[in-house]
Amino acid sequence: MKILQVINTLDTGGAEKLLLETIPLFIEKGIQVDVLVFEGMQGICLNKLQELNCCSIYSLNSKSLYSPFNVFKIIKYLNKYDLIHVHLFHAQYWVVLAKILSFSKVKLVFTEHSTFNRRRQIPFFRMLDNFIYKQYDKIVCISNGVKNELINKFKLSLSSLEIIENGININKFQNAVLLNRADIHELISDQDKLLVQVSKFRPEKDQSTVIKSMSLLPDHFKLILVGEGPLRNECELLVNVLGLEKRVFFLGNRNDVESILKTAHLSILSSHWEGFGLVAVEGMAASKPVIVSDVTGLSEVVVGAGLLFEKGNELQLANKVRDLLLSENLDYYNEISNKCKIRAQQFDINNMVSNSINLYNNLLSN
C-alpha cells in the first residue's frame, strides 16, 4: 500500500504534528507513506521528519497557496500512489482539481480538522465547499463535533464520513522530564503557580481571554504562552496595557512542550472553536488538570475529566483556576488531575493509526 499525505506546510500545528507522529508508525506496519508539501522544505515538523529519514518528502515550492498553478504541479504525483490523504484548506481544493483535470482514478481521503471556517458563512463558498467535499471517497472527522457540523452545513452522505479521533504518544508526556522554573523564565520561581497555553497566535485561539484572566488572579500566578502567529504582537501589547509584563511570558515555538506541560500546574486552551484540541489531550497525558473553553469538538474531549468555561469569559476562567490552585485541600486538584490522566488513555496514537489503516484497506478493497 502506497499512501501520499498532502499538507500545506510541515511547520507547527495540530495536523502537522499528527503527520510527524503517525508516519513512522505507519511505516513500522509495512505501509509506504510519503509527504507532499506546498511550500519549501522548511518547518519545525518537516525538519524532525527529515531527521527520522523514514519517508520521501516532496515540495511543490509554491510561491502562494492560492496559486492555481499548484494544480498542475500536483498531477504528476497522483498515479504514483494507491491513495492520497489530504489535510487542510488549500490542499483540499487543489488536489481535487488535479484529479479532475488528469482523469485520475486514485482514491482520495480528506481529514477535516475544524468545526468552523469563514467560507461556510458565504453561500457561494459553502456551495463550492460542498462540491469539493463530495469528490473525496472518505472524509475523516476528528470528533463528533466535526461530523455534526459537516452534516448540518453540507449535503453529505453519512457513508462518506468516518470518525477517527486524533491521538498522541501518551508515554512521551507521562514520562517527560521536569524543567527548572528559572530555566523557563528568570521571573518564575518555585513558589509561583504556573499556567500554560500552547497554541498558535491566531483568532480562534483567543489568548487574550487567558491574558485578561491573569488580572483577576494573585500576583504569584504566572502564565507562559507557547507558540507563534500573527496575533502575538497584539497579545504582547495587551500584556503591556494590563501591566502584566512580570507575570505573562511569551516563549515562542518550543521543542520541549511535553516538559513544559509536565512542569506547569495546569494547562489552558481558550479557543473560540476547535475540531478536537490535541493540546488538551497532551496536557491531560502530562497528568495536569486542563481548563478549556466550552466549544464544540473541544468540550467533548475534556468533559467529565477537565473543566470547562464559557468562551471569552475571563472571569469564569479565573474562578476555575482559583478553585483548582487556591484550595487549602489538594484533593480537588488531585481528583481533576487523575481524571485527566485516565481520559488521555483513550487517545493513544496507536489507535488512530490502526483505525486509519482499516479505512485505507476498506477503500482500496472496494
Protein backbone atom coordinates (compact mmCIF):
# COMPACT_ATOMS: atom_id res chain seq x y z
CA MET A 1 0.00 0.00 0.00
CA LYS A 2 1.43 3.38 -1.03
CA ILE A 3 -0.04 6.49 0.61
CA LEU A 4 0.77 10.14 -0.10
CA GLN A 5 -0.03 12.61 2.68
CA VAL A 6 -0.60 16.13 1.29
CA ILE A 7 -0.50 19.23 3.51
CA ASN A 8 0.22 22.94 3.07
CA THR A 9 3.34 23.01 5.25
CA LEU A 10 5.04 20.96 7.94
CA ASP A 11 5.79 23.76 10.37
CA THR A 12 3.77 23.83 13.61
CA GLY A 13 0.13 22.99 14.28
CA GLY A 14 -2.07 20.06 15.22
CA ALA A 15 -2.34 18.49 11.75
CA GLU A 16 1.38 18.90 11.16
CA LYS A 17 2.28 17.28 14.49
CA LEU A 18 -0.04 14.37 13.74
CA LEU A 19 1.77 13.62 10.49
CA LEU A 20 5.12 13.77 12.25
CA GLU A 21 3.94 11.34 14.92
CA THR A 22 1.96 8.91 12.74
CA ILE A 23 4.12 8.45 9.65
CA PRO A 24 6.83 6.41 11.45
CA LEU A 25 4.08 4.20 12.93
CA PHE A 26 2.53 3.59 9.52
CA ILE A 27 5.92 2.60 8.17
CA GLU A 28 6.51 0.21 11.09
CA LYS A 29 3.33 -1.56 9.99
CA GLY A 30 4.66 -2.02 6.46
CA ILE A 31 2.84 0.83 4.74
CA GLN A 32 4.75 3.19 2.48
CA VAL A 33 3.86 6.77 3.35
CA ASP A 34 5.37 9.83 1.67
CA VAL A 35 4.59 13.53 2.13
CA LEU A 36 3.90 16.34 -0.31
CA VAL A 37 4.03 19.94 0.97
CA PHE A 38 3.14 23.06 -0.97
CA GLU A 39 5.72 25.44 0.37
CA GLY A 40 9.51 24.98 0.60
CA MET A 41 11.46 22.38 2.53
CA GLN A 42 11.34 24.24 5.82
CA GLY A 43 9.40 23.91 9.04
CA ILE A 44 9.82 22.50 12.54
CA CYS A 45 7.88 19.28 11.91
CA LEU A 46 9.43 18.87 8.47
CA ASN A 47 12.95 19.11 9.89
CA LYS A 48 12.14 16.50 12.53
CA LEU A 49 10.67 14.17 9.89
CA GLN A 50 13.78 14.58 7.77
CA GLU A 51 15.91 13.60 10.77
CA LEU A 52 13.90 10.36 11.10
CA ASN A 53 14.71 9.58 7.44
CA CYS A 54 11.71 7.28 7.19
CA CYS A 55 9.88 8.63 4.12
CA SER A 56 10.24 10.72 0.99
CA ILE A 57 9.25 14.37 1.33
CA TYR A 58 8.38 16.35 -1.81
CA SER A 59 7.69 20.05 -2.20
CA LEU A 60 5.78 21.96 -4.85
CA ASN A 61 7.88 25.01 -3.95
CA SER A 62 4.71 27.03 -4.34
CA LYS A 63 5.03 30.79 -4.12
CA SER A 64 1.42 31.06 -2.93
CA LEU A 65 -1.11 28.62 -1.50
CA TYR A 66 -3.71 30.47 -3.57
CA SER A 67 -1.98 29.92 -6.90
CA PRO A 68 -3.94 27.72 -9.36
CA PHE A 69 -0.60 26.57 -10.81
CA ASN A 70 -0.41 24.27 -7.80
CA VAL A 71 -2.98 22.06 -9.54
CA PHE A 72 -0.66 21.24 -12.43
CA LYS A 73 2.27 20.57 -10.11
CA ILE A 74 0.20 18.02 -8.16
CA ILE A 75 -0.89 15.97 -11.19
CA LYS A 76 2.40 14.11 -11.63
CA TYR A 77 2.15 12.65 -8.12
CA LEU A 78 -1.39 11.28 -8.29
CA ASN A 79 -0.89 7.99 -10.09
CA LYS A 80 2.25 7.05 -8.17
CA TYR A 81 0.17 6.19 -5.11
CA ASP A 82 -2.79 3.98 -4.22
CA LEU A 83 -4.39 6.67 -2.08
CA ILE A 84 -3.93 10.39 -1.45
CA HIS A 85 -4.71 11.63 2.07
CA VAL A 86 -5.19 15.41 2.18
CA HIS A 87 -5.14 17.81 5.13
CA LEU A 88 -6.28 21.43 5.41
CA PHE A 89 -7.52 24.06 3.01
CA HIS A 90 -5.89 24.94 0.36
CA ALA A 91 -4.59 21.48 -0.38
CA GLN A 92 -8.20 20.29 -0.07
CA TYR A 93 -9.19 22.19 -3.23
CA TRP A 94 -6.11 21.83 -5.39
CA VAL A 95 -5.84 18.04 -5.07
CA VAL A 96 -9.46 17.59 -6.17
CA LEU A 97 -8.98 19.85 -9.19
CA ALA A 98 -5.77 18.00 -10.10
CA LYS A 99 -7.63 14.69 -10.06
CA ILE A 100 -10.46 16.05 -12.21
CA LEU A 101 -8.13 17.56 -14.81
CA SER A 102 -5.95 14.45 -15.04
CA PHE A 103 -8.85 11.93 -15.07
CA SER A 104 -7.00 10.04 -12.34
CA LYS A 105 -8.74 7.15 -10.56
CA VAL A 106 -6.71 7.45 -7.36
CA LYS A 107 -8.68 7.26 -4.11
CA LEU A 108 -8.91 10.50 -2.12
CA VAL A 109 -9.30 10.95 1.65
CA PHE A 110 -9.62 14.30 3.39
CA THR A 111 -9.33 14.92 7.12
CA GLU A 112 -11.47 17.77 8.40
CA HIS A 113 -9.66 19.24 11.40
CA SER A 114 -12.04 22.07 12.30
CA THR A 115 -15.65 22.72 13.19
CA PHE A 116 -15.61 26.19 11.62
CA ASN A 117 -14.28 28.23 8.73
CA ARG A 118 -15.38 31.59 7.39
CA ARG A 119 -16.08 30.22 3.89
CA ARG A 120 -19.13 28.45 5.26
CA GLN A 121 -20.71 31.78 6.12
CA ILE A 122 -20.83 32.82 2.43
CA PRO A 123 -23.37 30.96 0.23
CA PHE A 124 -21.14 30.77 -2.86
CA PHE A 125 -18.16 29.33 -0.98
CA ARG A 126 -20.39 26.99 1.02
CA MET A 127 -21.69 25.63 -2.29
CA LEU A 128 -18.12 25.30 -3.58
CA ASP A 129 -17.02 23.52 -0.40
CA ASN A 130 -19.96 21.14 -0.80
CA PHE A 131 -18.79 20.22 -4.32
CA ILE A 132 -15.19 19.70 -3.18
CA TYR A 133 -16.15 17.51 -0.21
CA LYS A 134 -18.17 15.24 -2.49
CA GLN A 135 -15.11 14.48 -4.61
CA TYR A 136 -13.47 12.67 -1.71
CA ASP A 137 -14.04 8.96 -1.27
CA LYS A 138 -13.96 9.43 2.50
CA ILE A 139 -13.95 12.40 4.87
CA VAL A 140 -12.30 11.73 8.20
CA CYS A 141 -13.82 13.71 11.07
CA ILE A 142 -11.59 14.08 14.11
CA SER A 143 -14.55 14.37 16.50
CA ASN A 144 -18.33 14.03 16.66
CA GLY A 145 -18.48 17.82 16.67
CA VAL A 146 -16.75 17.98 13.29
CA LYS A 147 -19.04 15.30 11.87
CA ASN A 148 -22.20 17.02 13.10
CA GLU A 149 -21.05 20.35 11.68
CA LEU A 150 -20.49 18.80 8.23
CA ILE A 151 -23.89 17.12 8.34
CA ASN A 152 -25.58 20.38 9.29
CA LYS A 153 -23.82 22.55 6.72
CA PHE A 154 -23.50 20.23 3.69
CA LYS A 155 -25.49 17.60 1.86
CA LEU A 156 -23.04 14.80 2.55
CA SER A 157 -23.96 11.15 2.86
CA LEU A 158 -23.33 9.54 6.22
CA SER A 159 -21.40 6.77 4.46
CA SER A 160 -18.83 9.32 3.27
CA LEU A 161 -17.98 10.38 6.85
CA GLU A 162 -15.75 8.46 9.25
CA ILE A 163 -14.81 9.49 12.79
CA ILE A 164 -11.17 8.84 13.67
CA GLU A 165 -10.17 10.74 16.77
CA ASN A 166 -6.74 12.29 16.99
CA GLY A 167 -4.09 10.65 19.11
CA ILE A 168 -0.81 11.39 20.84
CA ASN A 169 2.20 9.48 22.12
CA ILE A 170 0.96 9.06 25.69
CA ASN A 171 4.28 7.88 27.10
CA LYS A 172 6.09 10.94 25.76
CA PHE A 173 4.02 13.21 28.00
CA GLN A 174 3.70 10.92 31.02
CA ASN A 175 7.45 10.40 31.20
CA ALA A 176 8.50 13.97 30.36
CA VAL A 177 11.37 15.47 32.36
CA LEU A 178 10.54 18.34 34.70
CA LEU A 179 12.20 21.67 33.97
CA ASN A 180 13.66 24.14 36.43
CA ARG A 181 11.26 27.03 36.70
CA ALA A 182 14.04 29.61 36.32
CA ASP A 183 15.12 27.92 33.07
CA ILE A 184 11.67 28.61 31.62
CA HIS A 185 11.92 32.28 32.62
CA GLU A 186 14.04 34.05 35.20
CA LEU A 187 10.97 35.67 36.80
CA ILE A 188 9.31 32.32 37.56
CA SER A 189 10.06 30.84 40.98
CA ASP A 190 9.22 27.53 42.64
CA GLN A 191 6.61 29.33 44.76
CA ASP A 192 4.65 30.55 41.74
CA LYS A 193 1.54 28.87 40.35
CA LEU A 194 2.35 28.20 36.70
CA LEU A 195 -0.28 28.21 33.94
CA VAL A 196 0.43 27.37 30.29
CA GLN A 197 -1.34 27.70 26.96
CA VAL A 198 0.23 26.06 23.90
CA SER A 199 -1.28 27.33 20.64
CA LYS A 200 -0.65 29.49 17.61
CA PHE A 201 -1.48 33.16 17.97
CA ARG A 202 -4.48 33.12 15.67
CA PRO A 203 -8.03 34.49 16.12
CA GLU A 204 -9.58 31.13 17.00
CA LYS A 205 -7.15 30.51 19.89
CA ASP A 206 -8.15 33.67 21.82
CA GLN A 207 -5.10 34.06 24.07
CA SER A 208 -6.47 37.48 25.03
CA THR A 209 -9.07 35.91 27.32
CA VAL A 210 -6.38 34.00 29.22
CA ILE A 211 -4.26 37.14 29.49
CA LYS A 212 -7.21 39.15 30.83
CA SER A 213 -7.92 36.45 33.40
CA MET A 214 -4.45 36.98 34.87
CA SER A 215 -5.54 40.45 36.04
CA LEU A 216 -8.11 38.71 38.24
CA LEU A 217 -5.63 36.30 39.85
CA PRO A 218 -2.97 36.80 42.56
CA ASP A 219 0.49 38.05 41.62
CA HIS A 220 2.17 34.68 42.22
CA PHE A 221 0.16 33.20 39.33
CA LYS A 222 2.32 33.23 36.20
CA LEU A 223 1.32 32.43 32.62
CA ILE A 224 3.52 31.11 29.83
CA LEU A 225 2.32 31.25 26.24
CA VAL A 226 3.98 28.85 23.80
CA GLY A 227 3.70 29.39 20.05
CA GLU A 228 3.98 31.95 17.29
CA GLY A 229 1.49 33.58 14.95
CA PRO A 230 0.12 36.81 13.51
CA LEU A 231 -1.59 37.95 16.73
CA ARG A 232 1.43 37.61 19.01
CA ASN A 233 2.27 41.33 18.86
CA GLU A 234 -1.32 42.21 19.68
CA CYS A 235 -1.22 39.92 22.73
CA GLU A 236 2.10 41.39 23.85
CA LEU A 237 0.56 44.86 23.66
CA LEU A 238 -2.39 43.69 25.77
CA VAL A 239 0.05 42.37 28.40
CA ASN A 240 1.74 45.78 28.50
CA VAL A 241 -1.55 47.65 28.74
CA LEU A 242 -2.64 45.47 31.69
CA GLY A 243 0.74 45.79 33.40
CA LEU A 244 1.38 42.04 33.35
CA GLU A 245 4.92 42.09 31.94
CA LYS A 246 6.30 40.32 35.05
CA ARG A 247 3.58 37.65 35.05
CA VAL A 248 2.92 36.71 31.39
CA PHE A 249 5.77 35.35 29.27
CA PHE A 250 5.99 34.56 25.56
CA LEU A 251 8.23 31.58 24.81
CA GLY A 252 7.73 31.27 21.05
CA ASN A 253 7.91 27.82 19.46
CA ARG A 254 9.47 25.17 21.68
CA ASN A 255 10.76 21.64 21.18
CA ASP A 256 10.12 20.66 24.81
CA VAL A 257 6.37 21.19 25.08
CA GLU A 258 5.91 17.91 26.94
CA SER A 259 8.33 19.05 29.67
CA ILE A 260 6.69 22.48 29.88
CA LEU A 261 3.28 20.87 30.37
CA LYS A 262 4.72 18.49 32.96
CA THR A 263 6.29 21.40 34.88
CA ALA A 264 3.20 23.66 34.88
CA HIS A 265 0.37 23.38 37.39
CA LEU A 266 -2.33 23.34 34.75
CA SER A 267 -2.95 23.72 31.01
CA ILE A 268 -5.48 26.07 29.41
CA LEU A 269 -6.98 26.19 25.91
CA SER A 270 -9.26 29.18 25.37
CA SER A 271 -10.32 28.58 21.75
CA HIS A 272 -13.33 30.15 20.05
CA TRP A 273 -13.56 26.95 18.00
CA GLU A 274 -11.69 23.65 17.72
CA GLY A 275 -12.11 20.46 15.77
CA PHE A 276 -10.57 18.42 18.55
CA GLY A 277 -7.98 20.10 20.78
CA LEU A 278 -4.84 17.99 20.64
CA VAL A 279 -3.08 20.23 23.15
CA ALA A 280 -5.79 19.50 25.70
CA VAL A 281 -5.05 15.78 25.40
CA GLU A 282 -1.33 16.49 25.76
CA GLY A 283 -1.98 18.37 28.99
CA MET A 284 -4.11 15.53 30.32
CA ALA A 285 -1.44 12.98 29.35
CA ALA A 286 1.06 15.02 31.39
CA SER A 287 -1.27 14.37 34.36
CA LYS A 288 -2.26 18.02 34.64
CA PRO A 289 -5.73 19.48 35.05
CA VAL A 290 -6.90 21.14 31.86
CA ILE A 291 -9.33 24.04 31.59
CA VAL A 292 -10.82 24.62 28.14
CA SER A 293 -13.50 26.76 26.56
CA ASP A 294 -16.86 25.04 26.21
CA VAL A 295 -16.96 24.82 22.41
CA THR A 296 -17.97 22.01 20.07
CA GLY A 297 -15.23 19.46 19.42
CA LEU A 298 -13.02 20.58 22.29
CA SER A 299 -15.58 20.11 25.05
CA GLU A 300 -16.36 16.51 24.10
CA VAL A 301 -12.69 15.62 24.54
CA VAL A 302 -12.49 17.15 28.02
CA VAL A 303 -15.98 16.97 29.58
CA GLY A 304 -16.12 14.67 32.62
CA ALA A 305 -12.37 14.98 33.17
CA GLY A 306 -11.09 18.57 32.97
CA LEU A 307 -13.00 21.82 33.49
CA LEU A 308 -14.97 23.95 31.01
CA PHE A 309 -15.58 27.69 30.93
CA GLU A 310 -17.70 29.90 28.69
CA LYS A 311 -15.58 31.05 25.74
CA GLY A 312 -14.40 34.63 26.07
CA ASN A 313 -15.35 34.79 29.76
CA GLU A 314 -12.15 35.70 31.62
CA LEU A 315 -13.94 35.97 34.99
CA GLN A 316 -15.26 32.42 34.77
CA LEU A 317 -11.84 31.18 33.68
CA ALA A 318 -10.14 32.93 36.59
CA ASN A 319 -12.62 31.38 39.02
CA LYS A 320 -11.90 27.89 37.64
CA VAL A 321 -8.17 28.48 38.03
CA ARG A 322 -8.64 29.81 41.55
CA ASP A 323 -10.76 26.82 42.56
CA LEU A 324 -8.01 24.45 41.44
CA LEU A 325 -4.95 26.22 42.77
CA LEU A 326 -6.02 28.22 45.84
CA SER A 327 -7.82 25.49 47.73
CA GLU A 328 -6.25 24.57 51.06
CA ASN A 329 -7.26 20.99 50.34
CA LEU A 330 -5.38 19.40 47.43
CA ASP A 331 -7.99 16.66 46.99
CA TYR A 332 -9.89 18.59 44.31
CA TYR A 333 -6.74 19.33 42.29
CA ASN A 334 -5.61 15.70 42.53
CA GLU A 335 -9.08 14.44 41.59
CA ILE A 336 -9.15 16.51 38.39
CA SER A 337 -5.54 15.59 37.58
CA ASN A 338 -6.30 11.89 37.91
CA LYS A 339 -9.44 12.14 35.78
CA CYS A 340 -7.47 13.90 33.07
CA LYS A 341 -4.71 11.29 33.17
CA ILE A 342 -7.25 8.49 32.75
CA ARG A 343 -9.11 10.30 29.94
CA ALA A 344 -5.88 10.77 27.96
CA GLN A 345 -5.52 6.99 27.63
CA GLN A 346 -8.47 6.99 25.19
CA PHE A 347 -6.42 8.98 22.69
CA ASP A 348 -3.37 6.77 22.21
CA ILE A 349 -1.90 7.47 18.77
CA ASN A 350 -1.66 3.76 18.00
CA ASN A 351 -5.46 3.57 17.98
CA MET A 352 -5.58 6.40 15.46
CA VAL A 353 -3.06 4.67 13.19
CA SER A 354 -4.90 1.33 13.34
CA ASN A 355 -8.23 2.97 12.51
CA SER A 356 -6.64 4.84 9.60
CA ILE A 357 -5.14 1.65 8.18
CA ASN A 358 -8.54 -0.05 8.37
CA LEU A 359 -10.05 2.87 6.48
CA TYR A 360 -7.37 2.66 3.77
CA ASN A 361 -7.80 -1.09 3.39
CA ASN A 362 -11.58 -0.80 3.09
CA LEU A 363 -11.35 1.92 0.45
CA LEU A 364 -8.77 0.09 -1.66
CA SER A 365 -10.56 -3.25 -1.43
CA ASN A 366 -13.64 -1.59 -2.95
